[in-house]
Amino acid sequence: MAAVTSRELVQNFSAVAARVAAGEELTVTRHGKPLLKLVQPPAGESGLQERLALVQKALSFRMSRPYGKKFERNDSYEL
């Protein structure tokens, strides 16, 4: 697996994204330590179904909460 630095990722994002799109798996490092792993998302309808479920959840939250309550990040997670 190839490695790129975080600085290289920021400065050459399009080139790095093209490498990942071509099927290469990359590790992003910061100060020589692994930080992120860049891979292609899984193919298929699963991503679409997951996004649709999140949209439905957001819409149900909007309709069920009292008007004026500020949406918080924790509200998007199952507790």
PDB file of N, CA and C in Angstrom:
ATOM      1  N   MET A   1       0.854  -1.173   0.000  1.00  0.00           N
ATOM      2  CA  MET A   1       0.000   0.000   0.000  1.00  0.00           C
ATOM      3  C   MET A   1       0.903   1.241   0.000  1.00  0.00           C
ATOM      4  N   ALA A   2       0.593   2.162  -0.873  1.00  0.00           N
ATOM      5  CA  ALA A   2       1.389   3.383  -1.005  1.00  0.00           C
ATOM      6  C   ALA A   2       0.987   4.394   0.068  1.00  0.00           C
ATOM      7  N   ALA A   3       1.873   5.326   0.340  1.00  0.00           N
ATOM      8  CA  ALA A   3       1.611   6.357   1.345  1.00  0.00           C
ATOM      9  C   ALA A   3       1.809   7.737   0.726  1.00  0.00           C
ATOM     10  N   VAL A   4       0.981   8.678   1.165  1.00  0.00           N
ATOM     11  CA  VAL A   4       1.131  10.083   0.800  1.00  0.00           C
ATOM     12  C   VAL A   4       1.064  10.894   2.090  1.00  0.00           C
ATOM     13  N   THR A   5       1.714  12.037   2.105  1.00  0.00           N
ATOM     14  CA  THR A   5       1.666  12.891   3.286  1.00  0.00           C
ATOM     15  C   THR A   5       0.396  13.733   3.254  1.00  0.00           C
ATOM     16  N   SER A   6      -0.002  14.236   4.399  1.00  0.00           N
ATOM     17  CA  SER A   6      -1.198  15.080   4.449  1.00  0.00           C
ATOM     18  C   SER A   6      -0.999  16.345   3.612  1.00  0.00           C
ATOM     19  N   ARG A   7       0.203  16.859   3.604  1.00  0.00           N
ATOM     20  CA  ARG A   7       0.486  18.043   2.791  1.00  0.00           C
ATOM     21  C   ARG A   7       0.354  17.727   1.303  1.00  0.00           C
ATOM     22  N   GLU A   8       0.878  16.582   0.911  1.00  0.00           N
ATOM     23  CA  GLU A   8       0.774  16.151  -0.486  1.00  0.00           C
ATOM     24  C   GLU A   8      -0.691  15.965  -0.883  1.00  0.00           C
ATOM     25  N   LEU A   9      -1.489  15.425   0.030  1.00  0.00           N
ATOM     26  CA  LEU A   9      -2.909  15.232  -0.231  1.00  0.00           C
ATOM     27  C   LEU A   9      -3.601  16.565  -0.481  1.00  0.00           C
ATOM     28  N   VAL A  10      -3.325  17.552   0.357  1.00  0.00           N
ATOM     29  CA  VAL A  10      -3.967  18.863   0.222  1.00  0.00           C
ATOM     30  C   VAL A  10      -3.536  19.548  -1.072  1.00  0.00           C
ATOM     31  N   GLN A  11      -2.249  19.500  -1.364  1.00  0.00           N
ATOM     32  CA  GLN A  11      -1.731  20.216  -2.524  1.00  0.00           C
ATOM     33  C   GLN A  11      -2.047  19.520  -3.847  1.00  0.00           C
ATOM     34  N   ASN A  12      -2.221  18.214  -3.827  1.00  0.00           N
ATOM     35  CA  ASN A  12      -2.463  17.446  -5.054  1.00  0.00           C
ATOM     36  C   ASN A  12      -3.703  16.570  -4.925  1.00  0.00           C
ATOM     37  N   PHE A  13      -4.775  17.132  -4.405  1.00  0.00           N
ATOM     38  CA  PHE A  13      -5.961  16.331  -4.119  1.00  0.00           C
ATOM     39  C   PHE A  13      -6.491  15.627  -5.361  1.00  0.00           C
ATOM     40  N   SER A  14      -6.575  16.319  -6.487  1.00  0.00           N
ATOM     41  CA  SER A  14      -7.123  15.711  -7.702  1.00  0.00           C
ATOM     42  C   SER A  14      -6.307  14.508  -8.143  1.00  0.00           C
ATOM     43  N   ALA A  15      -4.998  14.618  -8.087  1.00  0.00           N
ATOM     44  CA  ALA A  15      -4.140  13.513  -8.500  1.00  0.00           C
ATOM     45  C   ALA A  15      -4.273  12.326  -7.541  1.00  0.00           C
ATOM     46  N   VAL A  16      -4.343  12.615  -6.252  1.00  0.00           N
ATOM     47  CA  VAL A  16      -4.497  11.546  -5.256  1.00  0.00           C
ATOM     48  C   VAL A  16      -5.869  10.888  -5.415  1.00  0.00           C
ATOM     49  N   ALA A  17      -6.904  11.688  -5.631  1.00  0.00           N
ATOM     50  CA  ALA A  17      -8.248  11.138  -5.827  1.00  0.00           C
ATOM     51  C   ALA A  17      -8.298  10.264  -7.074  1.00  0.00           C
ATOM     52  N   ALA A  18      -7.600  10.658  -8.117  1.00  0.00           N
ATOM     53  CA  ALA A  18      -7.554   9.857  -9.345  1.00  0.00           C
ATOM     54  C   ALA A  18      -6.879   8.519  -9.094  1.00  0.00           C
ATOM     55  N   ARG A  19      -5.830   8.509  -8.275  1.00  0.00           N
ATOM     56  CA  ARG A  19      -5.159   7.253  -7.941  1.00  0.00           C
ATOM     57  C   ARG A  19      -6.092   6.315  -7.188  1.00  0.00           C
ATOM     58  N   VAL A  20      -6.854   6.870  -6.245  1.00  0.00           N
ATOM     59  CA  VAL A  20      -7.801   6.054  -5.470  1.00  0.00           C
ATOM     60  C   VAL A  20      -8.923   5.563  -6.382  1.00  0.00           C
ATOM     61  N   ALA A  21      -9.396   6.426  -7.285  1.00  0.00           N
ATOM     62  CA  ALA A  21     -10.451   6.038  -8.222  1.00  0.00           C
ATOM     63  C   ALA A  21      -9.990   4.921  -9.149  1.00  0.00           C
ATOM     64  N   ALA A  22      -8.699   4.863  -9.416  1.00  0.00           N
ATOM     65  CA  ALA A  22      -8.137   3.812 -10.267  1.00  0.00           C
ATOM     66  C   ALA A  22      -7.975   2.487  -9.518  1.00  0.00           C
ATOM     67  N   GLY A  23      -8.289   2.479  -8.230  1.00  0.00           N
ATOM     68  CA  GLY A  23      -8.255   1.245  -7.456  1.00  0.00           C
ATOM     69  C   GLY A  23      -7.105   1.128  -6.479  1.00  0.00           C
ATOM     70  N   GLU A  24      -6.250   2.131  -6.431  1.00  0.00           N
ATOM     71  CA  GLU A  24      -5.109   2.089  -5.509  1.00  0.00           C
ATOM     72  C   GLU A  24      -5.565   2.439  -4.088  1.00  0.00           C
ATOM     73  N   GLU A  25      -5.040   1.742  -3.099  1.00  0.00           N
ATOM     74  CA  GLU A  25      -5.312   2.062  -1.697  1.00  0.00           C
ATOM     75  C   GLU A  25      -4.134   2.876  -1.170  1.00  0.00           C
ATOM     76  N   LEU A  26      -4.426   4.022  -0.564  1.00  0.00           N
ATOM     77  CA  LEU A  26      -3.377   4.920  -0.087  1.00  0.00           C
ATOM     78  C   LEU A  26      -3.519   5.153   1.407  1.00  0.00           C
ATOM     79  N   THR A  27      -2.396   5.295   2.071  1.00  0.00           N
ATOM     80  CA  THR A  27      -2.365   5.677   3.476  1.00  0.00           C
ATOM     81  C   THR A  27      -1.867   7.110   3.547  1.00  0.00           C
ATOM     82  N   VAL A  28      -2.617   7.961   4.247  1.00  0.00           N
ATOM     83  CA  VAL A  28      -2.211   9.351   4.446  1.00  0.00           C
ATOM     84  C   VAL A  28      -1.475   9.413   5.781  1.00  0.00           C
ATOM     85  N   THR A  29      -0.293  10.017   5.758  1.00  0.00           N
ATOM     86  CA  THR A  29       0.508  10.113   6.978  1.00  0.00           C
ATOM     87  C   THR A  29       0.669  11.567   7.399  1.00  0.00           C
ATOM     88  N   ARG A  30       0.857  11.752   8.690  1.00  0.00           N
ATOM     89  CA  ARG A  30       1.181  13.069   9.256  1.00  0.00           C
ATOM     90  C   ARG A  30       2.336  12.853  10.212  1.00  0.00           C
ATOM     91  N   HIS A  31       3.418  13.551   9.977  1.00  0.00           N
ATOM     92  CA  HIS A  31       4.631  13.399  10.780  1.00  0.00           C
ATOM     93  C   HIS A  31       5.102  11.944  10.806  1.00  0.00           C
ATOM     94  N   GLY A  32       4.932  11.265   9.668  1.00  0.00           N
ATOM     95  CA  GLY A  32       5.405   9.892   9.538  1.00  0.00           C
ATOM     96  C   GLY A  32       4.500   8.830  10.134  1.00  0.00           C
ATOM     97  N   LYS A  33       3.381   9.227  10.741  1.00  0.00           N
ATOM     98  CA  LYS A  33       2.473   8.260  11.357  1.00  0.00           C
ATOM     99  C   LYS A  33       1.205   8.141  10.519  1.00  0.00           C
ATOM    100  N   PRO A  34       0.676   6.933  10.339  1.00  0.00           N
ATOM    101  CA  PRO A  34      -0.550   6.752   9.561  1.00  0.00           C
ATOM    102  C   PRO A  34      -1.715   7.526  10.171  1.00  0.00           C
ATOM    103  N   LEU A  35      -2.463   8.207   9.310  1.00  0.00           N
ATOM    104  CA  LEU A  35      -3.579   9.032   9.764  1.00  0.00           C
ATOM    105  C   LEU A  35      -4.900   8.558   9.160  1.00  0.00           C
ATOM    106  N   LEU A  36      -4.897   8.322   7.845  1.00  0.00           N
ATOM    107  CA  LEU A  36      -6.105   7.919   7.125  1.00  0.00           C
ATOM    108  C   LEU A  36      -5.774   6.823   6.134  1.00  0.00           C
ATOM    109  N   LYS A  37      -6.784   6.072   5.771  1.00  0.00           N
ATOM    110  CA  LYS A  37      -6.650   5.105   4.694  1.00  0.00           C
ATOM    111  C   LYS A  37      -7.687   5.486   3.648  1.00  0.00           C
ATOM    112  N   LEU A  38      -7.241   5.731   2.423  1.00  0.00           N
ATOM    113  CA  LEU A  38      -8.143   6.111   1.338  1.00  0.00           C
ATOM    114  C   LEU A  38      -8.383   4.904   0.443  1.00  0.00           C
ATOM    115  N   VAL A  39      -9.646   4.535   0.317  1.00  0.00           N
ATOM    116  CA  VAL A  39     -10.053   3.422  -0.540  1.00  0.00           C
ATOM    117  C   VAL A  39     -11.322   3.816  -1.266  1.00  0.00           C
ATOM    118  N   GLN A  40     -11.648   3.081  -2.311  1.00  0.00           N
ATOM    119  CA  GLN A  40     -12.903   3.317  -3.020  1.00  0.00           C
ATOM    120  C   GLN A  40     -14.061   2.836  -2.151  1.00  0.00           C
ATOM    121  N   PRO A  41     -15.213   3.519  -2.229  1.00  0.00           N
ATOM    122  CA  PRO A  41     -16.374   3.045  -1.482  1.00  0.00           C
ATOM    123  C   PRO A  41     -16.885   1.738  -2.087  1.00  0.00           C
ATOM    124  N   PRO A  42     -17.577   0.925  -1.313  1.00  0.00           N
ATOM    125  CA  PRO A  42     -18.094  -0.337  -1.849  1.00  0.00           C
ATOM    126  C   PRO A  42     -19.114  -0.065  -2.949  1.00  0.00           C
ATOM    127  N   ALA A  43     -19.096  -0.893  -3.975  1.00  0.00           N
ATOM    128  CA  ALA A  43     -20.024  -0.726  -5.098  1.00  0.00           C
ATOM    129  C   ALA A  43     -21.387  -1.273  -4.721  1.00  0.00           C
ATOM    130  N   GLY A  44     -22.405  -0.765  -5.383  1.00  0.00           N
ATOM    131  CA  GLY A  44     -23.745  -1.310  -5.195  1.00  0.00           C
ATOM    132  C   GLY A  44     -24.722  -0.301  -4.646  1.00  0.00           C
ATOM    133  N   GLU A  45     -25.890  -0.789  -4.344  1.00  0.00           N
ATOM    134  CA  GLU A  45     -26.993   0.033  -3.878  1.00  0.00           C
ATOM    135  C   GLU A  45     -26.926   0.334  -2.377  1.00  0.00           C
ATOM    136  N   SER A  46     -26.040  -0.337  -1.641  1.00  0.00           N
ATOM    137  CA  SER A  46     -26.017  -0.166  -0.191  1.00  0.00           C
ATOM    138  C   SER A  46     -25.775   1.286   0.202  1.00  0.00           C
ATOM    139  N   GLY A  47     -24.895   1.987  -0.508  1.00  0.00           N
ATOM    140  CA  GLY A  47     -24.639   3.389  -0.203  1.00  0.00           C
ATOM    141  C   GLY A  47     -25.869   4.238  -0.426  1.00  0.00           C
ATOM    142  N   LEU A  48     -26.597   3.943  -1.508  1.00  0.00           N
ATOM    143  CA  LEU A  48     -27.808   4.692  -1.816  1.00  0.00           C
ATOM    144  C   LEU A  48     -28.866   4.460  -0.738  1.00  0.00           C
ATOM    145  N   GLN A  49     -29.043   3.216  -0.326  1.00  0.00           N
ATOM    146  CA  GLN A  49     -30.029   2.907   0.702  1.00  0.00           C
ATOM    147  C   GLN A  49     -29.684   3.583   2.027  1.00  0.00           C
ATOM    148  N   GLU A  50     -28.400   3.608   2.346  1.00  0.00           N
ATOM    149  CA  GLU A  50     -27.962   4.256   3.583  1.00  0.00           C
ATOM    150  C   GLU A  50     -28.248   5.758   3.543  1.00  0.00           C
ATOM    151  N   ARG A  51     -27.971   6.398   2.413  1.00  0.00           N
ATOM    152  CA  ARG A  51     -28.238   7.836   2.275  1.00  0.00           C
ATOM    153  C   ARG A  51     -29.724   8.134   2.364  1.00  0.00           C
ATOM    154  N   LEU A  52     -30.545   7.295   1.713  1.00  0.00           N
ATOM    155  CA  LEU A  52     -31.990   7.506   1.777  1.00  0.00           C
ATOM    156  C   LEU A  52     -32.510   7.359   3.210  1.00  0.00           C
ATOM    157  N   ALA A  53     -31.971   6.407   3.941  1.00  0.00           N
ATOM    158  CA  ALA A  53     -32.380   6.224   5.342  1.00  0.00           C
ATOM    159  C   ALA A  53     -32.011   7.450   6.172  1.00  0.00           C
ATOM    160  N   LEU A  54     -30.834   8.033   5.928  1.00  0.00           N
ATOM    161  CA  LEU A  54     -30.439   9.233   6.662  1.00  0.00           C
ATOM    162  C   LEU A  54     -31.327  10.425   6.328  1.00  0.00           C
ATOM    163  N   VAL A  55     -31.706  10.556   5.065  1.00  0.00           N
ATOM    164  CA  VAL A  55     -32.606  11.645   4.666  1.00  0.00           C
ATOM    165  C   VAL A  55     -33.957  11.478   5.359  1.00  0.00           C
ATOM    166  N   GLN A  56     -34.486  10.249   5.366  1.00  0.00           N
ATOM    167  CA  GLN A  56     -35.766  10.000   6.034  1.00  0.00           C
ATOM    168  C   GLN A  56     -35.686  10.311   7.526  1.00  0.00           C
ATOM    169  N   LYS A  57     -34.570   9.951   8.131  1.00  0.00           N
ATOM    170  CA  LYS A  57     -34.395  10.224   9.554  1.00  0.00           C
ATOM    171  C   LYS A  57     -34.366  11.729   9.811  1.00  0.00           C
ATOM    172  N   ALA A  58     -33.662  12.465   8.956  1.00  0.00           N
ATOM    173  CA  ALA A  58     -33.603  13.922   9.116  1.00  0.00           C
ATOM    174  C   ALA A  58     -34.980  14.545   8.947  1.00  0.00           C
ATOM    175  N   LEU A  59     -35.746  14.063   7.973  1.00  0.00           N
ATOM    176  CA  LEU A  59     -37.086  14.605   7.762  1.00  0.00           C
ATOM    177  C   LEU A  59     -38.006  14.271   8.928  1.00  0.00           C
ATOM    178  N   SER A  60     -37.899  13.062   9.475  1.00  0.00           N
ATOM    179  CA  SER A  60     -38.755  12.711  10.606  1.00  0.00           C
ATOM    180  C   SER A  60     -38.380  13.523  11.836  1.00  0.00           C
ATOM    181  N   PHE A  61     -37.103  13.809  12.011  1.00  0.00           N
ATOM    182  CA  PHE A  61     -36.668  14.651  13.122  1.00  0.00           C
ATOM    183  C   PHE A  61     -37.284  16.035  12.980  1.00  0.00           C
ATOM    184  N   ARG A  62     -37.220  16.550  11.784  1.00  0.00           N
ATOM    185  CA  ARG A  62     -37.727  17.902  11.514  1.00  0.00           C
ATOM    186  C   ARG A  62     -39.221  17.992  11.824  1.00  0.00           C
ATOM    187  N   MET A  63     -39.966  16.938  11.522  1.00  0.00           N
ATOM    188  CA  MET A  63     -41.408  16.960  11.724  1.00  0.00           C
ATOM    189  C   MET A  63     -41.810  16.640  13.166  1.00  0.00           C
ATOM    190  N   SER A  64     -40.944  15.945  13.917  1.00  0.00           N
ATOM    191  CA  SER A  64     -41.355  15.482  15.235  1.00  0.00           C
ATOM    192  C   SER A  64     -40.864  16.362  16.380  1.00  0.00           C
ATOM    193  N   ARG A  65     -39.879  17.172  16.164  1.00  0.00           N
ATOM    194  CA  ARG A  65     -39.323  17.996  17.237  1.00  0.00           C
ATOM    195  C   ARG A  65     -40.095  19.304  17.341  1.00  0.00           C
ATOM    196  N   PRO A  66     -40.130  19.878  18.522  1.00  0.00           N
ATOM    197  CA  PRO A  66     -40.818  21.154  18.672  1.00  0.00           C
ATOM    198  C   PRO A  66     -40.135  22.246  17.854  1.00  0.00           C
ATOM    199  N   TYR A  67     -40.938  23.117  17.311  1.00  0.00           N
ATOM    200  CA  TYR A  67     -40.410  24.205  16.496  1.00  0.00           C
ATOM    201  C   TYR A  67     -39.437  25.040  17.320  1.00  0.00           C
ATOM    202  N   GLY A  68     -38.325  25.388  16.714  1.00  0.00           N
ATOM    203  CA  GLY A  68     -37.360  26.245  17.382  1.00  0.00           C
ATOM    204  C   GLY A  68     -36.222  25.498  18.049  1.00  0.00           C
ATOM    205  N   LYS A  69     -36.341  24.158  18.205  1.00  0.00           N
ATOM    206  CA  LYS A  69     -35.239  23.424  18.801  1.00  0.00           C
ATOM    207  C   LYS A  69     -34.114  23.330  17.789  1.00  0.00           C
ATOM    208  N   LYS A  70     -32.922  23.684  18.214  1.00  0.00           N
ATOM    209  CA  LYS A  70     -31.766  23.641  17.341  1.00  0.00           C
ATOM    210  C   LYS A  70     -31.326  22.195  17.124  1.00  0.00           C
ATOM    211  N   PHE A  71     -31.087  21.845  15.876  1.00  0.00           N
ATOM    212  CA  PHE A  71     -30.593  20.510  15.546  1.00  0.00           C
ATOM    213  C   PHE A  71     -29.153  20.403  16.002  1.00  0.00           C
ATOM    214  N   GLU A  72     -28.833  19.354  16.736  1.00  0.00           N
ATOM    215  CA  GLU A  72     -27.484  19.126  17.223  1.00  0.00           C
ATOM    216  C   GLU A  72     -26.940  17.845  16.622  1.00  0.00           C
ATOM    217  N   ARG A  73     -25.623  17.742  16.532  1.00  0.00           N
ATOM    218  CA  ARG A  73     -24.986  16.580  15.925  1.00  0.00           C
ATOM    219  C   ARG A  73     -25.436  15.282  16.597  1.00  0.00           C
ATOM    220  N   ASN A  74     -25.591  15.284  17.905  1.00  0.00           N
ATOM    221  CA  ASN A  74     -25.995  14.072  18.629  1.00  0.00           C
ATOM    222  C   ASN A  74     -27.379  13.593  18.226  1.00  0.00           C
ATOM    223  N   ASP A  75     -28.210  14.482  17.698  1.00  0.00           N
ATOM    224  CA  ASP A  75     -29.550  14.098  17.298  1.00  0.00           C
ATOM    225  C   ASP A  75     -29.547  13.150  16.092  1.00  0.00           C
ATOM    226  N   SER A  76     -28.461  13.080  15.357  1.00  0.00           N
ATOM    227  CA  SER A  76     -28.401  12.223  14.187  1.00  0.00           C
ATOM    228  C   SER A  76     -27.963  10.800  14.528  1.00  0.00           C
ATOM    229  N   TYR A  77     -27.614  10.534  15.773  1.00  0.00           N
ATOM    230  CA  TYR A  77     -27.173   9.209  16.181  1.00  0.00           C
ATOM    231  C   TYR A  77     -28.234   8.532  17.013  1.00  0.00           C
ATOM    232  N   GLU A  78     -28.308   7.208  16.876  1.00  0.00           N
ATOM    233  CA  GLU A  78     -29.210   6.416  17.718  1.00  0.00           C
ATOM    234  C   GLU A  78     -28.615   6.343  19.108  1.00  0.00           C
ATOM    235  N   LEU A  79     -29.370   6.654  20.124  1.00  0.00           N
ATOM    236  CA  LEU A  79     -28.882   6.568  21.501  1.00  0.00           C
ATOM    237  C   LEU A  79     -29.647   5.532  22.269  1.00  0.00           C
TER     238      LEU A  79
END
